[in-house]
């Protein structure tokens, strides 16, 4: 099981008796080999609830009578779920420059400005690369309008890009005379 730091996860223990399967989560006794990474509840009504306490990995064991099983718990920094560029749309004149910003939303709900992060890559997406409409000027997120038309700018950080899912969050740049 993988958990973001500060989050919880519930184990579900099932047992098979006479061709029937039952939830036996409340019947187990649980133990973590690394409580500084992950703790596990043994209180009725909360048994098997894992809380992430620190980065790293832990092995949680469960015992029911003579039977036992283990599961590895990995606690990691929250992962980036998507990247959004702001502003989402710009109207510019040729040779004008504007600053875009990239914001990463993480699995724990936090949003961070990753515009200048060394891990953030900026990409000009032109319909016709031979006659580009927009260019990036070496400064992270600084876009320059080259000629009349429409182009897009994409931003990626930690291998997650603004256009990775069904919601395209790339910036649309419209260059008008």
C-alpha atoms as a PDB file:
ATOM      1  CA  UNK A   1       0.000   0.000   0.000  1.00  0.00           C
ATOM      2  CA  UNK A   2       1.284   3.454  -0.882  1.00  0.00           C
ATOM      3  CA  UNK A   3       0.249   6.453   1.235  1.00  0.00           C
ATOM      4  CA  UNK A   4       1.066  10.122   0.953  1.00  0.00           C
ATOM      5  CA  UNK A   5       2.574  11.564   4.118  1.00  0.00           C
ATOM      6  CA  UNK A   6      -0.196  12.642   6.500  1.00  0.00           C
ATOM      7  CA  UNK A   7      -2.842  10.332   5.020  1.00  0.00           C
ATOM      8  CA  UNK A   8      -4.515   7.145   6.223  1.00  0.00           C
ATOM      9  CA  UNK A   9      -5.446   3.876   4.573  1.00  0.00           C
ATOM     10  CA  UNK A  10      -7.735   1.071   5.729  1.00  0.00           C
ATOM     11  CA  UNK A  11      -6.735  -2.565   5.473  1.00  0.00           C
ATOM     12  CA  UNK A  12      -9.508  -5.028   4.647  1.00  0.00           C
ATOM     13  CA  UNK A  13      -8.967  -8.573   5.826  1.00  0.00           C
ATOM     14  CA  UNK A  14     -11.096 -11.360   4.387  1.00  0.00           C
ATOM     15  CA  UNK A  15     -11.399 -14.978   5.403  1.00  0.00           C
ATOM     16  CA  UNK A  16     -12.866 -17.913   3.555  1.00  0.00           C
ATOM     17  CA  UNK A  17     -14.889 -20.459   5.529  1.00  0.00           C
ATOM     18  CA  UNK A  18     -16.872 -23.322   3.986  1.00  0.00           C
ATOM     19  CA  UNK A  19     -16.991 -21.720   0.523  1.00  0.00           C
ATOM     20  CA  UNK A  20     -18.111 -18.336   1.917  1.00  0.00           C
ATOM     21  CA  UNK A  21     -15.995 -15.192   2.260  1.00  0.00           C
ATOM     22  CA  UNK A  22     -16.288 -12.906   5.285  1.00  0.00           C
ATOM     23  CA  UNK A  23     -14.763  -9.602   6.357  1.00  0.00           C
ATOM     24  CA  UNK A  24     -12.572 -10.399   9.367  1.00  0.00           C
ATOM     25  CA  UNK A  25     -10.707  -7.081   9.630  1.00  0.00           C
ATOM     26  CA  UNK A  26     -11.972  -6.550  13.199  1.00  0.00           C
ATOM     27  CA  UNK A  27     -10.766 -10.014  14.259  1.00  0.00           C
ATOM     28  CA  UNK A  28      -7.089  -9.337  13.575  1.00  0.00           C
ATOM     29  CA  UNK A  29      -4.298  -8.021  15.765  1.00  0.00           C
ATOM     30  CA  UNK A  30      -2.037  -5.625  13.872  1.00  0.00           C
ATOM     31  CA  UNK A  31       1.575  -4.540  14.313  1.00  0.00           C
ATOM     32  CA  UNK A  32       3.906  -2.177  12.421  1.00  0.00           C
ATOM     33  CA  UNK A  33       7.648  -2.831  12.362  1.00  0.00           C
ATOM     34  CA  UNK A  34       8.318   0.913  11.853  1.00  0.00           C
ATOM     35  CA  UNK A  35       5.853   3.074  13.835  1.00  0.00           C
ATOM     36  CA  UNK A  36       7.841   6.177  12.875  1.00  0.00           C
ATOM     37  CA  UNK A  37       6.733   5.529   9.281  1.00  0.00           C
ATOM     38  CA  UNK A  38       3.290   3.928   9.708  1.00  0.00           C
ATOM     39  CA  UNK A  39       1.130   3.083  12.700  1.00  0.00           C
ATOM     40  CA  UNK A  40      -1.824   0.710  12.678  1.00  0.00           C
ATOM     41  CA  UNK A  41      -4.907   0.750  14.923  1.00  0.00           C
ATOM     42  CA  UNK A  42      -5.934  -2.157  17.136  1.00  0.00           C
ATOM     43  CA  UNK A  43      -8.988  -0.469  18.674  1.00  0.00           C
ATOM     44  CA  UNK A  44     -12.358  -2.036  17.849  1.00  0.00           C
ATOM     45  CA  UNK A  45     -14.054  -0.112  15.056  1.00  0.00           C
ATOM     46  CA  UNK A  46     -10.704   1.183  13.774  1.00  0.00           C
ATOM     47  CA  UNK A  47      -8.658  -2.018  13.468  1.00  0.00           C
ATOM     48  CA  UNK A  48      -6.413  -2.092  10.440  1.00  0.00           C
ATOM     49  CA  UNK A  49      -6.474   1.697   9.969  1.00  0.00           C
ATOM     50  CA  UNK A  50      -2.973   2.759   8.928  1.00  0.00           C
ATOM     51  CA  UNK A  51      -1.692   6.290   9.565  1.00  0.00           C
ATOM     52  CA  UNK A  52       1.386   7.573   7.760  1.00  0.00           C
ATOM     53  CA  UNK A  53       3.800   9.185  10.215  1.00  0.00           C
ATOM     54  CA  UNK A  54       7.043   9.662   8.272  1.00  0.00           C
ATOM     55  CA  UNK A  55       8.674   8.976   4.919  1.00  0.00           C
ATOM     56  CA  UNK A  56       9.915   5.453   4.274  1.00  0.00           C
ATOM     57  CA  UNK A  57       8.557   1.932   4.358  1.00  0.00           C
ATOM     58  CA  UNK A  58       7.107  -0.308   7.035  1.00  0.00           C
ATOM     59  CA  UNK A  59       5.790  -3.839   7.191  1.00  0.00           C
ATOM     60  CA  UNK A  60       2.419  -4.271   8.875  1.00  0.00           C
ATOM     61  CA  UNK A  61       1.667  -7.740  10.202  1.00  0.00           C
ATOM     62  CA  UNK A  62      -1.770  -9.094  11.062  1.00  0.00           C
ATOM     63  CA  UNK A  63      -2.406 -12.113  13.263  1.00  0.00           C
ATOM     64  CA  UNK A  64      -5.553 -14.178  13.723  1.00  0.00           C
ATOM     65  CA  UNK A  65      -4.901 -17.197  15.899  1.00  0.00           C
ATOM     66  CA  UNK A  66      -2.152 -19.273  14.238  1.00  0.00           C
ATOM     67  CA  UNK A  67      -2.505 -17.409  10.909  1.00  0.00           C
ATOM     68  CA  UNK A  68      -0.647 -14.275   9.881  1.00  0.00           C
ATOM     69  CA  UNK A  69       0.036 -12.115   6.867  1.00  0.00           C
ATOM     70  CA  UNK A  70       2.043  -8.984   6.049  1.00  0.00           C
ATOM     71  CA  UNK A  71       1.733  -5.981   3.801  1.00  0.00           C
ATOM     72  CA  UNK A  72       4.381  -3.426   2.893  1.00  0.00           C
ATOM     73  CA  UNK A  73       3.446   0.205   3.470  1.00  0.00           C
ATOM     74  CA  UNK A  74       5.345   2.904   1.557  1.00  0.00           C
ATOM     75  CA  UNK A  75       4.940   6.477   2.760  1.00  0.00           C
ATOM     76  CA  UNK A  76       6.053   9.049   0.215  1.00  0.00           C
ATOM     77  CA  UNK A  77       5.714  12.708  -0.553  1.00  0.00           C
ATOM     78  CA  UNK A  78       2.381  13.515  -2.183  1.00  0.00           C
ATOM     79  CA  UNK A  79       2.386  12.937  -5.937  1.00  0.00           C
ATOM     80  CA  UNK A  80       1.526  15.513  -8.586  1.00  0.00           C
ATOM     81  CA  UNK A  81      -1.933  14.803  -9.980  1.00  0.00           C
ATOM     82  CA  UNK A  82      -1.961  17.566 -12.598  1.00  0.00           C
ATOM     83  CA  UNK A  83      -0.225  20.719 -13.803  1.00  0.00           C
ATOM     84  CA  UNK A  84      -2.116  23.869 -14.758  1.00  0.00           C
ATOM     85  CA  UNK A  85      -0.735  26.883 -16.607  1.00  0.00           C
ATOM     86  CA  UNK A  86      -1.974  30.370 -15.748  1.00  0.00           C
ATOM     87  CA  UNK A  87      -3.266  32.425 -17.331  1.00  0.00           C
ATOM     88  CA  UNK A  88      -5.031  29.767 -19.391  1.00  0.00           C
ATOM     89  CA  UNK A  89      -5.373  32.131 -22.350  1.00  0.00           C
ATOM     90  CA  UNK A  90      -3.518  35.218 -23.527  1.00  0.00           C
ATOM     91  CA  UNK A  91      -4.067  37.626 -26.386  1.00  0.00           C
ATOM     92  CA  UNK A  92      -0.835  39.262 -27.467  1.00  0.00           C
ATOM     93  CA  UNK A  93       0.648  41.381 -30.250  1.00  0.00           C
ATOM     94  CA  UNK A  94       3.649  40.244 -32.305  1.00  0.00           C
ATOM     95  CA  UNK A  95       6.954  40.582 -30.400  1.00  0.00           C
ATOM     96  CA  UNK A  96       5.127  41.079 -27.092  1.00  0.00           C
ATOM     97  CA  UNK A  97       6.252  38.961 -24.118  1.00  0.00           C
ATOM     98  CA  UNK A  98       4.228  37.649 -21.185  1.00  0.00           C
ATOM     99  CA  UNK A  99       4.964  35.528 -18.141  1.00  0.00           C
ATOM    100  CA  UNK A 100       3.084  32.264 -17.624  1.00  0.00           C
ATOM    101  CA  UNK A 101       3.043  30.388 -14.332  1.00  0.00           C
ATOM    102  CA  UNK A 102       2.815  26.650 -13.709  1.00  0.00           C
ATOM    103  CA  UNK A 103       0.941  25.293 -10.697  1.00  0.00           C
ATOM    104  CA  UNK A 104       1.121  21.657  -9.592  1.00  0.00           C
ATOM    105  CA  UNK A 105      -1.778  20.107  -7.687  1.00  0.00           C
ATOM    106  CA  UNK A 106      -0.674  17.274  -5.405  1.00  0.00           C
ATOM    107  CA  UNK A 107      -2.509  14.170  -4.216  1.00  0.00           C
ATOM    108  CA  UNK A 108      -2.943  15.763  -0.780  1.00  0.00           C
ATOM    109  CA  UNK A 109      -4.786  18.744  -2.294  1.00  0.00           C
ATOM    110  CA  UNK A 110      -1.977  21.275  -1.954  1.00  0.00           C
ATOM    111  CA  UNK A 111      -1.148  23.529  -4.893  1.00  0.00           C
ATOM    112  CA  UNK A 112       2.407  24.773  -5.430  1.00  0.00           C
ATOM    113  CA  UNK A 113       3.841  27.286  -7.876  1.00  0.00           C
ATOM    114  CA  UNK A 114       6.426  25.259  -9.842  1.00  0.00           C
ATOM    115  CA  UNK A 115       7.130  27.927 -12.476  1.00  0.00           C
ATOM    116  CA  UNK A 116      10.834  28.216 -11.661  1.00  0.00           C
ATOM    117  CA  UNK A 117      11.422  24.684 -10.394  1.00  0.00           C
ATOM    118  CA  UNK A 118      14.462  23.008 -11.958  1.00  0.00           C
ATOM    119  CA  UNK A 119      12.133  20.050 -12.654  1.00  0.00           C
ATOM    120  CA  UNK A 120       9.708  22.167 -14.724  1.00  0.00           C
ATOM    121  CA  UNK A 121      10.078  22.099 -18.492  1.00  0.00           C
ATOM    122  CA  UNK A 122       8.341  24.579 -20.797  1.00  0.00           C
ATOM    123  CA  UNK A 123       7.391  23.628 -24.365  1.00  0.00           C
ATOM    124  CA  UNK A 124       6.069  25.856 -27.172  1.00  0.00           C
ATOM    125  CA  UNK A 125       3.467  23.929 -29.189  1.00  0.00           C
ATOM    126  CA  UNK A 126       2.972  25.451 -32.631  1.00  0.00           C
ATOM    127  CA  UNK A 127       0.551  24.137 -35.254  1.00  0.00           C
ATOM    128  CA  UNK A 128       3.210  24.704 -37.889  1.00  0.00           C
ATOM    129  CA  UNK A 129       6.685  24.427 -36.320  1.00  0.00           C
ATOM    130  CA  UNK A 130       8.261  25.825 -39.502  1.00  0.00           C
ATOM    131  CA  UNK A 131       6.356  29.091 -38.952  1.00  0.00           C
ATOM    132  CA  UNK A 132       6.055  29.298 -35.145  1.00  0.00           C
ATOM    133  CA  UNK A 133       3.553  31.628 -33.504  1.00  0.00           C
ATOM    134  CA  UNK A 134       5.064  31.537 -30.000  1.00  0.00           C
ATOM    135  CA  UNK A 135       8.505  30.913 -28.538  1.00  0.00           C
ATOM    136  CA  UNK A 136       9.972  30.578 -25.070  1.00  0.00           C
ATOM    137  CA  UNK A 137      12.844  32.865 -24.152  1.00  0.00           C
ATOM    138  CA  UNK A 138      14.957  30.853 -21.728  1.00  0.00           C
ATOM    139  CA  UNK A 139      13.276  32.399 -18.686  1.00  0.00           C
ATOM    140  CA  UNK A 140      10.906  29.804 -17.267  1.00  0.00           C
ATOM    141  CA  UNK A 141       7.398  30.501 -18.542  1.00  0.00           C
ATOM    142  CA  UNK A 142       8.299  33.667 -20.455  1.00  0.00           C
ATOM    143  CA  UNK A 143       6.489  33.419 -23.786  1.00  0.00           C
ATOM    144  CA  UNK A 144       7.088  35.674 -26.786  1.00  0.00           C
ATOM    145  CA  UNK A 145       4.560  36.199 -29.578  1.00  0.00           C
ATOM    146  CA  UNK A 146       6.254  35.897 -32.963  1.00  0.00           C
ATOM    147  CA  UNK A 147       3.517  36.332 -35.573  1.00  0.00           C
ATOM    148  CA  UNK A 148      -0.266  36.390 -35.959  1.00  0.00           C
ATOM    149  CA  UNK A 149      -1.921  33.048 -35.212  1.00  0.00           C
ATOM    150  CA  UNK A 150      -2.608  30.696 -32.332  1.00  0.00           C
ATOM    151  CA  UNK A 151      -0.125  28.590 -30.402  1.00  0.00           C
ATOM    152  CA  UNK A 152      -0.010  26.743 -27.115  1.00  0.00           C
ATOM    153  CA  UNK A 153       2.476  26.431 -24.321  1.00  0.00           C
ATOM    154  CA  UNK A 154       2.809  23.246 -22.304  1.00  0.00           C
ATOM    155  CA  UNK A 155       4.458  22.854 -18.926  1.00  0.00           C
ATOM    156  CA  UNK A 156       5.697  19.617 -17.371  1.00  0.00           C
ATOM    157  CA  UNK A 157       7.140  18.849 -13.950  1.00  0.00           C
ATOM    158  CA  UNK A 158       8.136  15.453 -12.546  1.00  0.00           C
ATOM    159  CA  UNK A 159       6.888  13.860 -15.801  1.00  0.00           C
ATOM    160  CA  UNK A 160       3.362  15.287 -15.381  1.00  0.00           C
ATOM    161  CA  UNK A 161       2.271  17.725 -18.111  1.00  0.00           C
ATOM    162  CA  UNK A 162      -0.552  20.232 -18.441  1.00  0.00           C
ATOM    163  CA  UNK A 163      -2.098  18.123 -21.226  1.00  0.00           C
ATOM    164  CA  UNK A 164      -1.781  14.680 -19.600  1.00  0.00           C
ATOM    165  CA  UNK A 165      -5.466  14.021 -18.959  1.00  0.00           C
ATOM    166  CA  UNK A 166      -8.819  14.726 -20.615  1.00  0.00           C
ATOM    167  CA  UNK A 167      -8.689  18.317 -19.317  1.00  0.00           C
ATOM    168  CA  UNK A 168      -6.164  20.231 -21.424  1.00  0.00           C
ATOM    169  CA  UNK A 169      -4.555  22.792 -19.105  1.00  0.00           C
ATOM    170  CA  UNK A 170      -2.032  24.172 -21.611  1.00  0.00           C
ATOM    171  CA  UNK A 171      -2.013  27.929 -22.159  1.00  0.00           C
ATOM    172  CA  UNK A 172      -3.558  29.145 -25.427  1.00  0.00           C
ATOM    173  CA  UNK A 173      -1.756  32.128 -26.947  1.00  0.00           C
ATOM    174  CA  UNK A 174      -3.618  34.125 -29.585  1.00  0.00           C
ATOM    175  CA  UNK A 175      -1.472  36.625 -31.453  1.00  0.00           C
ATOM    176  CA  UNK A 176      -3.387  39.429 -33.163  1.00  0.00           C
ATOM    177  CA  UNK A 177      -2.130  42.295 -35.346  1.00  0.00           C
END
